[in-house]
Amino acid sequence: MDLDDLFAGKNIQRKHHYKQKYNYSNERQFNWLNLFNKIKQNKKLRNIIIIGIAIILVIVKGLIILLFPYIVKLFNFIAEKGVSGLVELNKELLNKLTTSIKL
């Protein structure tokens, strides 16, 4: 079974592939247009890819909406105290963590 069989439909005649030999290749680079054409022809794979991309976009949008207040607070903190204030805050936080962990 080859990568061509994965993207092919049910009614394709399966033949023995001529590229079964080791290091047999006429092309040095991957043919992206061939892959896109195979995805375009296979309805199930195309639908799965579209649904997957839609789910990823919904998750990213949801994370942005949930984290938006914290991002605004971070920008306001940087605007008030600058980057040096952010570094000092992290330094204090690291000092608290290292003093609380006693070996």
Protein backbone atom coordinates (compact mmCIF):
# COMPACT_ATOMS: atom_id res chain seq x y z
CA MET A 1 0.00 0.00 0.00
CA ASP A 2 1.41 3.32 -1.05
CA LEU A 3 0.57 6.95 -0.38
CA ASP A 4 -1.24 6.98 -3.73
CA ASP A 5 -3.67 4.35 -2.44
CA LEU A 6 -4.57 6.50 0.56
CA PHE A 7 -5.72 9.41 -1.59
CA ALA A 8 -7.32 7.33 -4.32
CA GLY A 9 -11.03 6.59 -4.42
CA LYS A 10 -12.67 3.19 -4.05
CA ASN A 11 -13.05 2.47 -7.75
CA ILE A 12 -9.44 2.89 -8.79
CA GLN A 13 -7.69 -0.10 -10.25
CA ARG A 14 -4.87 -1.01 -7.94
CA LYS A 15 -1.71 -1.90 -9.80
CA HIS A 16 1.72 -2.81 -8.62
CA HIS A 17 3.62 0.38 -8.14
CA TYR A 18 6.72 0.82 -10.21
CA LYS A 19 8.37 2.84 -7.46
CA GLN A 20 8.81 -0.03 -5.03
CA LYS A 21 12.56 -0.10 -5.50
CA TYR A 22 14.79 1.63 -3.00
CA ASN A 23 15.94 5.13 -4.00
CA TYR A 24 13.88 5.18 -7.19
CA SER A 25 12.76 8.72 -7.85
CA ASN A 26 12.66 10.99 -10.85
CA GLU A 27 11.79 14.04 -8.77
CA ARG A 28 13.99 15.42 -6.04
CA GLN A 29 11.24 17.49 -4.38
CA PHE A 30 7.77 16.60 -3.17
CA ASN A 31 5.07 17.42 -5.72
CA TRP A 32 2.59 19.59 -3.78
CA LEU A 33 0.29 20.13 -6.76
CA ASN A 34 -0.17 16.39 -7.12
CA LEU A 35 -1.11 16.14 -3.43
CA PHE A 36 -3.61 19.01 -3.71
CA ASN A 37 -5.20 17.45 -6.79
CA LYS A 38 -5.61 14.14 -4.96
CA ILE A 39 -7.17 15.89 -1.96
CA LYS A 40 -9.50 17.77 -4.30
CA GLN A 41 -10.66 14.54 -5.92
CA ASN A 42 -11.22 12.60 -2.67
CA LYS A 43 -14.43 13.90 -1.05
CA LYS A 44 -14.05 12.15 2.31
CA LEU A 45 -10.52 13.35 2.88
CA ARG A 46 -11.42 16.87 1.78
CA ASN A 47 -14.36 16.98 4.21
CA ILE A 48 -12.21 15.68 7.07
CA ILE A 49 -9.57 18.35 6.39
CA ILE A 50 -12.19 21.12 6.20
CA ILE A 51 -13.83 20.00 9.45
CA GLY A 52 -10.43 19.73 11.16
CA ILE A 53 -9.42 23.23 10.09
CA ALA A 54 -12.79 24.59 11.25
CA ILE A 55 -12.39 22.94 14.67
CA ILE A 56 -8.87 24.34 15.05
CA LEU A 57 -10.07 27.84 14.12
CA VAL A 58 -12.94 27.64 16.64
CA ILE A 59 -10.53 26.54 19.39
CA VAL A 60 -8.08 29.36 18.59
CA LYS A 61 -10.89 31.93 18.52
CA GLY A 62 -12.21 30.66 21.85
CA LEU A 63 -8.77 30.89 23.45
CA ILE A 64 -8.32 34.44 22.17
CA ILE A 65 -11.73 35.44 23.54
CA LEU A 66 -11.02 33.81 26.92
CA LEU A 67 -7.53 35.27 27.25
CA PHE A 68 -8.35 38.75 25.91
CA PRO A 69 -8.84 40.38 29.37
CA TYR A 70 -5.48 39.03 30.53
CA ILE A 71 -3.76 40.24 27.38
CA VAL A 72 -5.22 43.73 27.93
CA LYS A 73 -4.02 43.69 31.57
CA LEU A 74 -0.54 42.68 30.41
CA PHE A 75 -0.38 45.51 27.87
CA ASN A 76 -1.60 48.02 30.47
CA PHE A 77 1.03 46.80 32.94
CA ILE A 78 3.77 47.15 30.32
CA ALA A 79 2.48 50.61 29.37
CA GLU A 80 2.57 51.76 33.01
CA LYS A 81 5.80 50.21 34.27
CA GLY A 82 7.63 49.33 31.08
CA VAL A 83 9.55 46.19 30.28
CA SER A 84 11.81 46.68 33.31
CA GLY A 85 8.77 46.40 35.59
CA LEU A 86 7.90 43.11 33.93
CA VAL A 87 11.45 41.83 34.50
CA GLU A 88 11.36 42.88 38.17
CA LEU A 89 8.01 41.16 38.65
CA ASN A 90 9.41 37.94 37.20
CA LYS A 91 12.52 38.26 39.37
CA GLU A 92 10.39 38.60 42.50
CA LEU A 93 8.27 35.64 41.46
CA LEU A 94 11.35 33.49 40.87
CA ASN A 95 12.80 34.49 44.26
CA LYS A 96 9.56 33.47 45.98
CA LEU A 97 9.56 30.14 44.18
CA THR A 98 13.20 29.37 44.97
CA THR A 99 12.87 30.30 48.65
CA SER A 100 9.74 28.18 49.06
CA ILE A 101 11.50 25.15 47.59
CA LYS A 102 14.13 24.21 50.16
CA LEU A 103 16.32 21.26 49.39
